[in-house]
Amino acid sequence: MKSIKEMNVGRHLALVEDAGAIQEWYETPAPGYWESSVHEEVASQSWSKTTLARIDLAAWQAFVADLPRDPYVNQRWKRMSWLHLNDSGEVETLGECPMAQGGRFNDAASMADRLRYYEPLLPAFTEREDVKAFVKAWAELWELPARSPILMQITGVRGDGCVDPLQGQGIHADGCKYLSIVVLSRDNVEGAVNTLYLDKAGQQEVGRITLAPGEILHLRDDQLFHSVDSIRQCREDAPFERFIIIINACFVDEFQNRMLRRHFPDATLNVAVHDS
C-alpha cells in the first residue's frame, strides 16, 4: 500500500504533450509544508517545535468559543473527531469511535480504562482548506498509510487561579507513535511548559518547550514521555485560557485499537499491534 507521501508525489506529476504529440511524465517540485529542520529533528531527537505558517490562526481560534464541557474532566472543554486520508489522499471525517486509553498510558482515574465519547469537531472546521492541508501535511510528515485513523481534538482549559491541564496524568505517553500539539490560544497564562523525557520517572529530561499561539510541537510518542506544568492565572482581574489542538495516529494502545477495529473495520491500524 502506498504511503501518503508517495501519493502526494504522484499528484505532482503532470502530463506534457509536445509538438509531436509524444506524452511524457515529469515531476513538478512542490514546496514543503514543513521546513527541512522539522524532518531532521523528529528523526534525530524524536521531537521538533515549529510555527504553522499556512493556517488562518484567527479563524481556527474562533472554534474555541462553542466547545462543550468535557464530561469526564473538570474545567476542561473538548471536541474530537476521527479522520483519515482515503486511497486518493483526500481528508475524510470518519464516524464515531470513543477515545480509549488503557491504564498503561493514563494514570488519571477519571480517564484510564474508560470509553470516552465527545461531540465531534464542527464541519465548518474540518472542511476548511487550511485544516485539510494541515492534516495532509501532518500525515505526510509521519508517512502514514492511507486509511490510518487520525484523532484530532480541540481542547483546553479556562478559569481562575491554578489548574492542572493534565488532570492527574503526570508524566505520560498518549499510546500512539505520532503526536503533535498546536497552541491556539494562551491568554493571561503563566506556566503550561511542556517537558519531554526519555523515561516515565522523569529522570532523563530532554527538552522544555513553551508554545505560543500558532506553534506546534511534534513528538514520537512511542519514544518520549511528556508532561505539562500547571496553568496559573497572571492577572486576577481576568480569567486565564489555554486551548490546543492535539492530533495523533498509529496507536500502540491495544484498548484504543480494539475500538478502532470495531468502529472502522477497513482502517489501516498499527501493524505491530494488529498482528499481536
Protein backbone atom coordinates (compact mmCIF):
# COMPACT_ATOMS: atom_id res chain seq x y z
CA MET A 1 0.00 0.00 0.00
CA LYS A 2 1.33 3.41 -0.92
CA SER A 3 2.09 5.92 1.83
CA ILE A 4 0.54 9.39 1.83
CA LYS A 5 3.94 10.76 0.90
CA GLU A 6 4.09 8.57 -2.20
CA MET A 7 0.58 9.59 -3.23
CA ASN A 8 1.42 13.26 -2.80
CA VAL A 9 4.37 12.85 -5.14
CA GLY A 10 2.04 11.19 -7.62
CA ARG A 11 -0.32 14.13 -7.53
CA HIS A 12 2.52 16.41 -8.58
CA LEU A 13 3.12 14.51 -11.79
CA ALA A 14 1.98 16.49 -14.80
CA LEU A 15 1.34 15.35 -18.35
CA VAL A 16 3.17 17.23 -21.06
CA GLU A 17 2.36 16.92 -24.75
CA ASP A 18 4.98 18.16 -27.20
CA ALA A 19 4.60 19.20 -30.85
CA GLY A 20 4.96 15.59 -31.98
CA ALA A 21 2.08 14.51 -29.72
CA ILE A 22 4.51 12.49 -27.62
CA GLN A 23 3.46 12.38 -23.96
CA GLU A 24 5.83 12.18 -21.08
CA TRP A 25 5.56 12.46 -17.36
CA TYR A 26 7.63 14.75 -15.22
CA GLU A 27 7.67 15.52 -11.55
CA THR A 28 6.79 19.06 -10.56
CA PRO A 29 8.52 20.05 -7.32
CA ALA A 30 6.10 21.24 -4.63
CA PRO A 31 7.16 23.48 -1.73
CA GLY A 32 7.37 21.56 1.53
CA TYR A 33 4.78 22.25 4.20
CA TRP A 34 7.40 21.64 6.89
CA GLU A 35 10.90 23.09 6.96
CA SER A 36 13.64 20.54 6.43
CA SER A 37 14.74 21.04 10.05
CA VAL A 38 11.45 19.53 11.25
CA HIS A 39 12.11 16.28 9.37
CA GLU A 40 15.70 16.23 10.62
CA GLU A 41 14.76 16.87 14.25
CA VAL A 42 11.99 14.29 14.53
CA ALA A 43 14.41 11.76 13.01
CA SER A 44 17.37 12.64 15.24
CA GLN A 45 15.81 13.65 18.56
CA SER A 46 12.18 12.43 18.24
CA TRP A 47 10.68 15.92 18.63
CA SER A 48 10.53 19.28 16.88
CA LYS A 49 8.96 22.67 17.52
CA THR A 50 7.98 24.99 14.69
CA THR A 51 5.45 27.63 13.65
CA LEU A 52 2.43 26.89 11.48
CA ALA A 53 2.77 29.45 8.71
CA ARG A 54 -0.01 28.22 6.42
CA ILE A 55 -3.08 28.49 8.60
CA ASP A 56 -5.53 31.27 9.43
CA LEU A 57 -4.91 31.21 13.19
CA ALA A 58 -7.65 33.74 13.98
CA ALA A 59 -10.19 31.63 12.10
CA TRP A 60 -9.11 28.49 13.95
CA GLN A 61 -9.31 30.31 17.30
CA ALA A 62 -12.97 31.12 16.64
CA PHE A 63 -13.85 27.42 17.04
CA VAL A 64 -12.86 27.54 20.71
CA ALA A 65 -15.94 29.61 21.60
CA ASP A 66 -18.57 26.84 21.43
CA LEU A 67 -16.63 23.86 22.77
CA PRO A 68 -18.76 21.70 25.11
CA ARG A 69 -17.51 20.98 28.59
CA ASP A 70 -15.56 17.75 28.93
CA PRO A 71 -17.96 15.36 30.70
CA TYR A 72 -15.09 13.44 32.29
CA VAL A 73 -12.71 16.20 33.42
CA ASN A 74 -13.48 19.37 35.38
CA GLN A 75 -12.50 22.77 33.96
CA ARG A 76 -11.85 21.35 30.51
CA TRP A 77 -13.66 21.77 27.19
CA LYS A 78 -13.33 19.49 24.18
CA ARG A 79 -14.45 18.32 20.75
CA MET A 80 -12.81 15.49 18.83
CA SER A 81 -13.18 13.66 15.53
CA TRP A 82 -11.58 10.73 13.77
CA LEU A 83 -10.21 11.49 10.31
CA HIS A 84 -8.23 9.66 7.69
CA LEU A 85 -6.77 10.15 4.24
CA ASN A 86 -8.59 7.97 1.75
CA ASP A 87 -6.99 5.97 -1.06
CA SER A 88 -6.94 9.15 -3.19
CA GLY A 89 -5.09 11.06 -0.47
CA GLU A 90 -8.07 13.26 0.47
CA VAL A 91 -9.12 14.06 4.04
CA GLU A 92 -12.33 12.40 5.18
CA THR A 93 -14.14 12.60 8.51
CA LEU A 94 -14.99 9.19 9.93
CA GLY A 95 -17.88 8.27 12.21
CA GLU A 96 -17.99 7.99 15.97
CA CYS A 97 -15.43 5.98 17.87
CA PRO A 98 -14.70 6.56 21.56
CA MET A 99 -11.37 7.66 22.93
CA ALA A 100 -9.94 4.69 24.82
CA GLN A 101 -6.71 4.93 26.83
CA GLY A 102 -5.60 1.97 28.88
CA GLY A 103 -4.10 2.38 32.33
CA ARG A 104 -0.66 1.78 30.87
CA PHE A 105 -0.96 5.16 29.13
CA ASN A 106 -3.11 7.19 31.51
CA ASP A 107 -2.71 7.43 35.28
CA ALA A 108 -5.85 9.55 35.83
CA ALA A 109 -8.69 7.55 37.38
CA SER A 110 -11.28 9.73 35.62
CA MET A 111 -9.94 8.75 32.17
CA ALA A 112 -8.00 5.46 32.27
CA ASP A 113 -9.62 2.23 31.08
CA ARG A 114 -12.83 4.02 30.15
CA LEU A 115 -14.60 4.66 26.88
CA ARG A 116 -14.93 8.43 26.46
CA TYR A 117 -17.35 9.99 23.99
CA TYR A 118 -17.18 13.61 22.84
CA GLU A 119 -19.04 15.89 20.48
CA PRO A 120 -17.38 15.95 17.02
CA LEU A 121 -15.43 18.80 15.52
CA LEU A 122 -17.69 21.09 13.54
CA PRO A 123 -17.78 20.54 9.75
CA ALA A 124 -17.12 24.25 9.36
CA PHE A 125 -13.69 23.49 10.87
CA THR A 126 -12.82 20.12 9.35
CA GLU A 127 -13.87 21.25 5.86
CA ARG A 128 -11.64 24.34 5.85
CA GLU A 129 -8.98 24.14 3.16
CA ASP A 130 -6.18 25.11 5.55
CA VAL A 131 -7.31 22.43 8.01
CA LYS A 132 -7.33 19.75 5.31
CA ALA A 133 -3.92 20.91 4.05
CA PHE A 134 -2.57 20.69 7.60
CA VAL A 135 -3.90 17.16 8.10
CA LYS A 136 -2.46 16.03 4.75
CA ALA A 137 0.94 17.52 5.57
CA TRP A 138 0.87 16.01 9.05
CA ALA A 139 0.12 12.56 7.63
CA GLU A 140 2.93 13.01 5.09
CA LEU A 141 5.40 14.03 7.81
CA TRP A 142 4.89 10.67 9.53
CA GLU A 143 4.42 8.74 6.24
CA LEU A 144 1.06 7.33 7.32
CA PRO A 145 -0.55 4.75 5.05
CA ALA A 146 -3.94 5.59 3.58
CA ARG A 147 -6.93 4.93 5.86
CA SER A 148 -4.87 5.32 9.03
CA PRO A 149 -7.21 6.70 11.74
CA ILE A 150 -6.14 10.16 12.87
CA LEU A 151 -7.57 11.58 16.10
CA MET A 152 -7.92 15.36 16.08
CA GLN A 153 -9.07 17.28 19.16
CA ILE A 154 -9.68 20.88 20.09
CA THR A 155 -9.40 21.00 23.86
CA GLY A 156 -8.31 23.28 26.65
CA VAL A 157 -8.93 24.94 29.98
CA ARG A 158 -10.19 28.29 31.19
CA GLY A 159 -10.90 29.70 34.61
CA ASP A 160 -9.32 31.32 37.65
CA GLY A 161 -6.45 30.51 39.97
CA CYS A 162 -4.43 27.44 39.04
CA VAL A 163 -5.29 24.20 37.24
CA ASP A 164 -3.51 21.02 36.21
CA PRO A 165 -4.32 20.73 32.48
CA LEU A 166 -3.48 17.01 32.56
CA GLN A 167 -5.85 16.34 35.47
CA GLY A 168 -3.59 13.82 37.15
CA GLN A 169 -1.93 12.20 34.14
CA GLY A 170 1.51 13.47 35.12
CA ILE A 171 4.43 12.26 33.00
CA HIS A 172 2.86 10.06 30.36
CA ALA A 173 2.66 8.89 26.77
CA ASP A 174 -0.58 9.03 24.79
CA GLY A 175 -0.44 5.48 23.46
CA CYS A 176 0.45 6.21 19.84
CA LYS A 177 3.53 6.57 17.65
CA TYR A 178 2.95 10.11 16.36
CA LEU A 179 1.61 13.07 18.30
CA SER A 180 1.54 16.83 17.74
CA ILE A 181 0.25 19.71 19.85
CA VAL A 182 -0.76 23.09 18.42
CA VAL A 183 -1.46 26.01 20.76
CA LEU A 184 -4.48 28.00 19.59
CA SER A 185 -4.79 30.49 22.45
CA ARG A 186 -2.77 31.36 25.52
CA ASP A 187 -4.28 34.28 27.44
CA ASN A 188 -3.43 35.51 30.95
CA VAL A 189 -1.38 32.35 31.49
CA GLU A 190 1.78 31.53 33.40
CA GLY A 191 3.23 28.04 33.25
CA ALA A 192 1.98 25.36 30.83
CA VAL A 193 5.57 24.41 29.98
CA ASN A 194 5.85 21.13 28.08
CA THR A 195 8.66 18.91 29.36
CA LEU A 196 9.96 15.90 27.45
CA TYR A 197 11.64 12.84 28.97
CA LEU A 198 13.21 9.58 27.90
CA ASP A 199 11.66 7.82 30.91
CA LYS A 200 8.31 7.88 32.72
CA ALA A 201 10.04 8.52 36.04
CA GLY A 202 11.23 11.88 34.72
CA GLN A 203 14.90 11.32 35.45
CA GLN A 204 16.08 11.89 31.86
CA GLU A 205 14.76 15.24 30.70
CA VAL A 206 15.47 16.12 27.06
CA GLY A 207 13.57 19.36 26.50
CA ARG A 208 11.41 22.11 28.00
CA ILE A 209 9.18 23.90 25.49
CA THR A 210 6.68 26.73 25.91
CA LEU A 211 4.38 27.04 22.91
CA ALA A 212 2.91 30.33 21.76
CA PRO A 213 -0.30 30.52 19.71
CA GLY A 214 0.36 29.17 16.21
CA GLU A 215 3.30 27.00 17.28
CA ILE A 216 3.33 23.21 17.08
CA LEU A 217 5.29 20.53 18.93
CA HIS A 218 5.79 17.21 17.10
CA LEU A 219 6.59 14.11 19.17
CA ARG A 220 7.38 10.49 18.56
CA ASP A 221 5.10 9.41 21.37
CA ASP A 222 6.47 5.87 21.48
CA GLN A 223 10.00 7.23 22.01
CA LEU A 224 9.38 10.01 24.57
CA PHE A 225 7.24 10.78 27.60
CA HIS A 226 5.84 14.24 28.21
CA SER A 227 4.10 16.42 30.78
CA VAL A 228 2.89 20.00 31.06
CA ASP A 229 3.16 22.27 34.10
CA SER A 230 0.17 23.71 35.90
CA ILE A 231 -1.52 26.73 34.36
CA ARG A 232 -1.64 29.79 36.59
CA GLN A 233 -3.64 32.97 36.24
CA CYS A 234 -1.43 36.05 35.71
CA ARG A 235 -3.87 38.90 36.43
CA GLU A 236 -6.62 38.36 38.97
CA ASP A 237 -9.00 40.72 37.14
CA ALA A 238 -9.39 38.35 34.16
CA PRO A 239 -9.72 34.58 33.69
CA PHE A 240 -6.99 32.53 32.05
CA GLU A 241 -7.45 30.49 28.88
CA ARG A 242 -5.29 27.98 27.02
CA PHE A 243 -6.68 25.93 24.14
CA ILE A 244 -4.83 23.50 21.94
CA ILE A 245 -5.22 21.06 19.08
CA ILE A 246 -3.96 17.54 19.69
CA ILE A 247 -3.51 15.31 16.66
CA ASN A 248 -2.19 11.76 16.83
CA ALA A 249 -2.15 8.48 14.96
CA CYS A 250 -0.71 4.96 14.70
CA PHE A 251 -1.87 3.72 18.09
CA VAL A 252 0.10 1.30 20.24
CA ASP A 253 -2.60 1.17 22.92
CA GLU A 254 -4.45 -2.11 22.30
CA PHE A 255 -7.56 -0.80 24.08
CA GLN A 256 -7.83 2.02 21.55
CA ASN A 257 -7.09 -0.31 18.65
CA ARG A 258 -9.88 -2.68 19.70
CA MET A 259 -12.31 0.22 19.46
CA LEU A 260 -10.92 1.28 16.09
CA ARG A 261 -11.27 -2.26 14.71
CA ARG A 262 -14.87 -2.36 15.93
CA HIS A 263 -15.94 1.02 14.56
CA PHE A 264 -13.74 1.26 11.44
CA PRO A 265 -13.21 -2.29 10.14
CA ASP A 266 -11.50 -1.08 6.95
CA ALA A 267 -8.98 1.11 8.79
CA THR A 268 -5.22 0.65 8.50
CA LEU A 269 -4.02 0.06 12.05
CA ASN A 270 -0.58 -0.16 13.57
CA VAL A 271 0.71 -3.46 12.15
CA ALA A 272 2.75 -4.44 15.22
CA VAL A 273 -0.33 -4.23 17.43
CA HIS A 274 -2.79 -5.53 14.84
CA ASP A 275 -0.81 -8.74 14.40
CA SER A 276 -0.24 -9.33 18.09
